[in-house]
Protein backbone atom coordinates (compact mmCIF):
# COMPACT_ATOMS: atom_id res chain seq x y z
CA MET A 1 46.62 -3.05 45.27
CA ASP A 2 49.65 -3.78 47.39
CA VAL A 3 48.95 -6.50 49.94
CA ARG A 4 52.51 -7.04 51.31
CA PRO A 5 52.94 -7.03 55.06
CA GLY A 6 53.48 -3.56 56.38
CA SER A 7 52.03 -1.87 53.34
CA THR A 8 49.28 0.68 53.95
CA ARG A 9 48.03 0.73 50.40
CA GLY A 10 44.66 -0.89 49.81
CA ARG A 11 43.33 -0.23 53.29
CA ARG A 12 40.14 1.64 53.99
CA ASP A 13 41.80 4.30 56.07
CA ASP A 14 44.15 5.19 53.16
CA PRO A 15 42.96 8.39 51.35
CA ALA A 16 43.84 6.80 47.98
CA TYR A 17 41.53 3.88 48.71
CA LEU A 18 38.78 3.65 46.11
CA TRP A 19 35.62 2.19 47.67
CA PHE A 20 33.98 1.71 44.27
CA ALA A 21 36.92 -0.30 42.95
CA GLN A 22 35.94 -3.35 44.91
CA ALA A 23 35.05 -6.32 42.72
CA ARG A 24 31.44 -6.43 43.90
CA ASN A 25 30.83 -2.75 43.16
CA VAL A 26 32.49 -2.91 39.76
CA THR A 27 30.35 -5.92 38.84
CA LEU A 28 27.19 -4.14 39.95
CA ALA A 29 28.16 -1.03 37.98
CA ILE A 30 28.79 -3.10 34.83
CA VAL A 31 25.47 -4.93 35.22
CA LEU A 32 23.63 -1.63 35.82
CA VAL A 33 25.21 0.01 32.74
CA PHE A 34 24.39 -3.11 30.69
CA LEU A 35 20.75 -3.09 31.81
CA VAL A 36 20.37 0.61 31.09
CA LEU A 37 21.88 0.20 27.62
CA ALA A 38 19.79 -2.90 26.89
CA GLY A 39 16.60 -1.13 27.95
CA LEU A 40 17.47 1.91 25.87
CA THR A 41 18.20 -0.32 22.86
CA VAL A 42 14.90 -2.17 23.21
CA PHE A 43 13.07 1.15 23.51
CA LEU A 44 14.77 2.62 20.43
CA PHE A 45 14.22 -0.51 18.34
CA THR A 46 10.55 -0.58 19.34
CA GLU A 47 10.07 3.09 18.45
CA HIS A 48 11.88 2.60 15.14
CA TYR A 49 9.75 -0.45 14.27
CA GLU A 50 6.46 1.28 15.16
CA ASN A 51 7.43 4.41 13.23
CA THR A 52 8.44 2.41 10.16
CA LEU A 53 5.24 0.37 10.33
CA ARG A 54 3.10 3.49 10.70
CA THR A 55 4.85 5.21 7.78
CA SER A 56 4.55 2.12 5.58
CA LEU A 57 0.86 1.65 6.33
CA GLN A 58 0.18 5.33 5.71
CA SER A 59 1.96 5.13 2.36
CA ASP A 60 -0.01 2.00 1.44
CA ARG A 61 -3.29 3.71 2.39
CA GLU A 62 -2.44 6.75 0.29
CA THR A 63 -1.57 4.54 -2.70
CA ALA A 64 -4.81 2.57 -2.31
CA ASP A 65 -6.85 5.80 -2.02
CA ILE A 66 -5.29 7.20 -5.17
CA PHE A 67 -5.87 3.94 -7.05
CA ALA A 68 -9.50 3.83 -5.86
CA LEU A 69 -10.00 7.41 -6.97
CA VAL A 70 -8.60 6.71 -10.42
CA MET A 71 -10.73 3.55 -10.81
CA GLU A 72 -13.84 5.34 -9.58
CA GLU A 73 -13.37 8.15 -12.10
CA HIS A 74 -12.65 5.66 -14.91
CA LEU A 75 -15.79 3.65 -14.17
CA ALA A 76 -17.88 6.80 -13.76
CA ARG A 77 -16.71 8.00 -17.19
CA ILE A 78 -17.63 4.68 -18.76
CA ILE A 79 -21.06 4.75 -17.14
CA ARG A 80 -21.69 8.36 -18.23
CA THR A 81 -20.69 7.54 -21.81
CA MET A 82 -22.86 4.43 -21.93
CA GLU A 83 -25.81 6.32 -20.44
CA SER A 84 -25.41 9.09 -23.01
CA TYR A 85 -25.49 6.51 -25.82
CA THR A 86 -28.58 4.78 -24.44
CA HIS A 87 -30.43 8.09 -24.68
CA MET A 88 -29.58 8.48 -28.35
CA PRO A 89 -32.62 7.42 -30.38
CA LEU A 90 -30.76 6.20 -33.50
CA PHE A 91 -28.47 3.98 -31.46
CA ARG A 92 -31.40 2.69 -29.41
CA ASN A 93 -33.40 1.94 -32.56
CA ALA A 94 -30.42 0.10 -34.11
CA VAL A 95 -30.00 -2.02 -30.99
CA ASN A 96 -33.74 -2.72 -30.64
CA GLY A 97 -33.88 -3.77 -34.30
CA LYS A 98 -30.68 -5.84 -33.89
CA ASN A 99 -29.22 -4.03 -36.92
CA ALA A 100 -25.56 -4.96 -36.60
CA GLY A 101 -24.34 -2.53 -39.29
CA LYS A 102 -25.96 0.59 -37.79
CA THR A 103 -25.04 -0.47 -34.28
CA ARG A 104 -21.43 -0.98 -35.31
CA ARG A 105 -21.34 2.58 -36.76
CA HIS A 106 -22.43 3.95 -33.42
CA LEU A 107 -19.86 1.78 -31.64
CA GLU A 108 -17.15 3.17 -33.96
CA ASP A 109 -18.15 6.71 -32.93
CA LEU A 110 -18.08 5.68 -29.30
CA LYS A 111 -14.62 4.13 -29.70
CA LYS A 112 -13.33 7.39 -31.22
CA ASN A 113 -14.57 9.28 -28.18
CA ILE A 114 -13.03 6.84 -25.68
CA VAL A 115 -9.51 6.12 -26.89
CA ASP A 116 -8.58 3.76 -24.03
CA THR A 117 -11.35 1.26 -24.86
CA ASP A 118 -10.17 -1.98 -26.40
CA ILE A 119 -13.41 -3.72 -27.26
CA LEU A 120 -17.08 -2.80 -27.26
CA ALA A 121 -19.88 -5.34 -27.22
CA VAL A 122 -23.68 -5.22 -27.39
CA SER A 123 -25.77 -7.98 -25.85
CA ASP A 124 -29.46 -8.67 -25.48
CA ALA A 125 -31.36 -8.80 -22.19
CA ARG A 126 -30.24 -12.39 -21.58
CA GLY A 127 -26.56 -11.42 -21.97
CA VAL A 128 -26.05 -12.99 -25.39
CA ILE A 129 -23.54 -10.92 -27.36
CA TRP A 130 -24.65 -10.18 -30.93
CA THR A 131 -22.19 -7.53 -32.11
CA THR A 132 -18.71 -6.32 -31.11
CA LEU A 133 -16.15 -3.79 -32.19
CA PRO A 134 -13.65 -4.90 -33.40
CA GLU A 135 -15.37 -7.87 -34.99
CA LYS A 136 -15.07 -11.01 -32.88
CA PRO A 137 -17.57 -13.58 -34.29
CA GLU A 138 -16.26 -16.27 -31.92
CA VAL A 139 -17.92 -14.52 -28.94
CA TYR A 140 -21.34 -14.15 -30.54
CA GLY A 141 -24.03 -16.21 -28.87
């Protein structure tokens, strides 16, 4: 802006005078643009955070549901197998008579049917273990 005496540039009546180029207006425009951008940034970050959190929790819930389903089926299979063996009269007679040899034969058959079983044990009503497969005499009570 030319401020020399006699110069007409920079006056309000000049057609080239830019009213928005005043320092106060430029400062207000910069502050307004900054506030709009800051608000937009906060909004986008908040949306991104909530979306990521929602997706993560949904993924965790799906994983937990699948794991629960697998565990439920595994335990149900174990219970069904054990119930089927308790209804077998020879196995029941061997357990009632505390015949470790006959009981172990039935446990071997059971282990063949359930390949992912590591150890089988038979205990009395008080919880005292009296036979296992494979043999583990250190756990007998």
